[in-house]
Amino acid sequence: DFGVPLHVQPVTLSYGPSASDPRTLGFVATNDGYLHAIDAATGSERWAFVPRRLLPQLYTLYRNAPAPQKVYGIDGEISLYIRNRDGRPGIADGDQAILLFGMGRGGRALFAVDVSDPDRPALLWEIDATTPGFADLGQTWPRPVVARGGIAGRSGSDEVVIIGGGHDPGQDNRDYRTDTIGNAVYMLGLDDGARLW
């Protein structure tokens, strides 16, 4: 089964060294809680990633019982960032490809997955509203953006992830209210997800 990619657009990554041998994967997140890696040449799934926090709801989805509300999993936009160190097409030794995505209506978390090896994805980090310094994080709807920004007193990469604070689900009702979460902008370290600002 394949869940609904409701609020997300797929992103693609070509691993091959040339246009004649692209070896491309498409990545798409679905409401049942999966990040899928699809072989562009065959349409077959190479692998899927499910955040640990969503594992308990898989049984609910499996039962497929009538429910008053839709169950959401990964529903946020995906960003792909490539550290291309050799300046050549494709992903070679030393290059790094990182997928960044939130949960949208599915929750208040953000993930970074290293997809440099098309057959061995690796979770780099995840943050959520219980991570120290992220209490104002709402539902993670905004697309993560990678930028370069020097941070005083921080060594290492100057590549940072910038995200909006997200959506306060209390705004879903029609009555006016002041946001209690989501009213923030965060800058994180790309390598470790640490809050920088």
Protein backbone atom coordinates (compact mmCIF):
# COMPACT_ATOMS: atom_id res chain seq x y z
CA ASP A 1 0.00 0.00 0.00
CA PHE A 2 1.03 3.59 -0.63
CA GLY A 3 -0.30 6.42 1.51
CA VAL A 4 -1.48 9.83 0.38
CA PRO A 5 1.18 12.42 -0.52
CA LEU A 6 -1.31 15.12 0.43
CA HIS A 7 0.68 18.32 1.06
CA VAL A 8 4.09 17.38 -0.34
CA GLN A 9 5.78 17.37 -3.72
CA PRO A 10 8.37 14.71 -4.62
CA VAL A 11 12.03 15.61 -5.00
CA THR A 12 14.49 13.73 -7.22
CA LEU A 13 18.19 13.01 -6.97
CA SER A 14 20.42 11.65 -9.74
CA TYR A 15 23.30 9.57 -8.41
CA GLY A 16 24.79 8.65 -11.79
CA PRO A 17 27.82 10.27 -13.34
CA SER A 18 26.13 11.35 -16.58
CA ALA A 19 22.84 12.11 -18.30
CA SER A 20 23.02 8.75 -20.08
CA ASP A 21 23.33 6.94 -16.72
CA PRO A 22 21.37 9.06 -14.22
CA ARG A 23 20.42 6.38 -11.62
CA THR A 24 17.70 8.60 -10.22
CA LEU A 25 15.60 8.20 -7.10
CA GLY A 26 12.43 10.11 -6.31
CA PHE A 27 11.59 10.83 -2.67
CA VAL A 28 8.04 11.42 -1.46
CA ALA A 29 6.47 11.52 2.01
CA THR A 30 3.00 10.14 2.66
CA ASN A 31 0.27 10.56 5.26
CA ASP A 32 0.70 7.03 6.54
CA GLY A 33 4.10 8.09 7.93
CA TYR A 34 6.56 6.88 5.30
CA LEU A 35 9.33 8.60 3.37
CA HIS A 36 9.55 6.52 0.18
CA ALA A 37 12.55 6.20 -2.16
CA ILE A 38 11.33 5.27 -5.64
CA ASP A 39 13.56 4.13 -8.50
CA ALA A 40 12.79 6.53 -11.35
CA ALA A 41 13.65 3.95 -14.04
CA THR A 42 11.45 1.14 -12.75
CA GLY A 43 8.91 2.81 -10.46
CA SER A 44 9.72 0.29 -7.73
CA GLU A 45 10.34 1.24 -4.12
CA ARG A 46 13.99 0.94 -3.06
CA TRP A 47 13.37 1.60 0.63
CA ALA A 48 11.11 3.47 3.05
CA PHE A 49 11.81 5.32 6.29
CA VAL A 50 9.29 5.58 9.15
CA PRO A 51 10.11 7.83 12.12
CA ARG A 52 10.10 5.87 15.37
CA ARG A 53 7.42 8.18 16.80
CA LEU A 54 4.97 7.05 14.09
CA LEU A 55 5.38 3.29 14.54
CA PRO A 56 2.46 2.98 17.03
CA GLN A 57 -0.02 4.42 14.54
CA LEU A 58 0.84 1.87 11.83
CA TYR A 59 -1.34 -0.75 13.50
CA THR A 60 -4.27 1.70 13.55
CA LEU A 61 -3.81 2.29 9.83
CA TYR A 62 -3.48 -1.45 9.21
CA ARG A 63 -6.83 -2.09 10.90
CA ASN A 64 -8.42 0.48 8.54
CA ALA A 65 -11.37 1.02 10.86
CA PRO A 66 -13.73 3.97 10.26
CA ALA A 67 -12.45 7.07 12.06
CA PRO A 68 -13.93 10.54 12.60
CA GLN A 69 -10.67 12.24 11.56
CA LYS A 70 -7.86 11.59 9.12
CA VAL A 71 -4.65 10.19 10.62
CA TYR A 72 -1.59 12.15 9.52
CA GLY A 73 1.99 10.92 9.34
CA ILE A 74 4.64 12.78 7.36
CA ASP A 75 2.85 15.67 5.73
CA GLY A 76 5.53 18.37 5.41
CA GLU A 77 7.48 19.61 2.40
CA ILE A 78 10.83 18.01 1.56
CA SER A 79 14.04 19.90 0.86
CA LEU A 80 17.10 18.31 -0.73
CA TYR A 81 20.54 19.76 -0.03
CA ILE A 82 23.64 18.50 -1.84
CA ARG A 83 27.20 19.09 -0.68
CA ASN A 84 28.93 18.55 -4.00
CA ARG A 85 32.60 18.72 -3.09
CA ASP A 86 34.09 17.75 -6.47
CA GLY A 87 31.90 19.93 -8.72
CA ARG A 88 31.00 16.96 -10.95
CA PRO A 89 27.54 15.60 -11.72
CA GLY A 90 26.22 12.81 -9.55
CA ILE A 91 27.00 11.83 -5.99
CA ALA A 92 30.62 10.69 -5.67
CA ASP A 93 32.87 9.88 -2.72
CA GLY A 94 32.90 12.82 -0.34
CA ASP A 95 29.64 14.30 -1.66
CA GLN A 96 26.64 14.36 0.64
CA ALA A 97 22.90 14.48 -0.07
CA ILE A 98 20.58 15.40 2.80
CA LEU A 99 16.78 15.32 2.87
CA LEU A 100 15.12 17.70 5.35
CA PHE A 101 11.41 17.40 6.09
CA GLY A 102 8.82 18.08 8.74
CA MET A 103 5.61 16.33 9.66
CA GLY A 104 3.08 18.95 8.57
CA ARG A 105 -0.22 18.18 10.26
CA GLY A 106 1.33 14.93 11.49
CA GLY A 107 3.29 16.53 14.30
CA ARG A 108 5.86 18.92 15.66
CA ALA A 109 9.15 17.38 14.48
CA LEU A 110 11.83 17.91 11.83
CA PHE A 111 14.13 15.25 10.36
CA ALA A 112 17.42 15.17 8.44
CA VAL A 113 18.19 11.96 6.53
CA ASP A 114 21.47 11.35 4.70
CA VAL A 115 20.69 9.74 1.33
CA SER A 116 24.22 9.93 -0.11
CA ASP A 117 24.18 6.16 -0.60
CA PRO A 118 20.99 5.26 -2.52
CA ASP A 119 20.71 1.94 -0.67
CA ARG A 120 21.73 2.96 2.86
CA PRO A 121 19.85 5.99 4.18
CA ALA A 122 20.91 7.24 7.60
CA LEU A 123 19.00 9.40 10.06
CA LEU A 124 21.32 12.34 10.86
CA TRP A 125 19.13 13.99 13.47
CA GLU A 126 15.61 14.86 14.52
CA ILE A 127 14.25 17.62 16.68
CA ASP A 128 10.80 18.17 18.09
CA ALA A 129 8.93 20.43 20.49
CA THR A 130 10.36 18.49 23.47
CA THR A 131 13.96 19.11 22.36
CA PRO A 132 15.48 21.79 24.62
CA GLY A 133 15.13 25.19 22.96
CA PHE A 134 12.28 24.19 20.62
CA ALA A 135 9.23 24.55 22.87
CA ASP A 136 7.67 27.10 20.46
CA LEU A 137 7.86 24.71 17.50
CA GLY A 138 4.40 24.10 16.03
CA GLN A 139 3.29 21.61 13.39
CA THR A 140 6.21 21.58 10.97
CA TRP A 141 4.59 22.78 7.76
CA PRO A 142 7.31 25.16 6.45
CA ARG A 143 9.85 23.89 3.94
CA PRO A 144 13.32 23.83 5.54
CA VAL A 145 15.82 26.10 3.75
CA VAL A 146 19.60 25.61 3.84
CA ALA A 147 21.72 28.75 3.76
CA ARG A 148 25.22 29.84 4.67
CA GLY A 149 25.51 31.89 7.80
CA GLY A 150 28.45 32.51 10.09
CA ILE A 151 27.61 32.00 13.74
CA ALA A 152 29.90 33.69 16.25
CA GLY A 153 31.64 31.22 18.53
CA ARG A 154 30.67 28.13 16.51
CA SER A 155 33.25 26.04 14.73
CA GLY A 156 32.53 23.70 11.86
CA SER A 157 30.17 24.07 8.91
CA ASP A 158 28.59 27.44 8.23
CA GLU A 159 25.66 25.70 6.53
CA VAL A 160 22.50 26.27 8.52
CA VAL A 161 18.88 25.17 8.28
CA ILE A 162 16.25 27.90 8.63
CA ILE A 163 12.68 26.93 9.47
CA GLY A 164 9.56 28.79 10.37
CA GLY A 165 8.04 27.93 13.72
CA GLY A 166 5.15 26.11 12.11
CA HIS A 167 1.40 26.01 12.59
CA ASP A 168 -0.53 26.34 15.83
CA PRO A 169 -3.40 23.82 15.44
CA GLY A 170 -5.46 25.99 17.79
CA GLN A 171 -5.92 28.26 14.77
CA ASP A 172 -7.98 25.55 13.07
CA ASN A 173 -11.10 26.70 14.85
CA ARG A 174 -12.91 29.80 13.65
CA ASP A 175 -12.57 31.87 16.79
CA TYR A 176 -9.78 34.42 17.06
CA ARG A 177 -6.95 33.46 19.37
CA THR A 178 -3.32 34.36 19.86
CA ASP A 179 -0.77 31.76 18.77
CA THR A 180 0.83 29.92 21.65
CA ILE A 181 3.23 27.88 19.48
CA GLY A 182 4.70 28.31 16.02
CA ASN A 183 5.44 32.00 16.57
CA ALA A 184 9.20 31.67 16.00
CA VAL A 185 11.93 31.36 13.39
CA TYR A 186 14.74 28.88 14.03
CA MET A 187 18.28 28.52 12.70
CA LEU A 188 19.80 25.05 13.18
CA GLY A 189 23.14 23.45 12.43
CA LEU A 190 22.88 21.35 9.28
CA ASP A 191 25.12 18.60 10.64
CA ASP A 192 23.55 18.14 14.07
CA GLY A 193 20.23 20.00 14.25
CA ALA A 194 21.51 22.09 17.16
CA ARG A 195 19.60 25.34 17.74
CA LEU A 196 21.89 28.22 16.82
CA TRP A 197 19.41 31.09 16.94
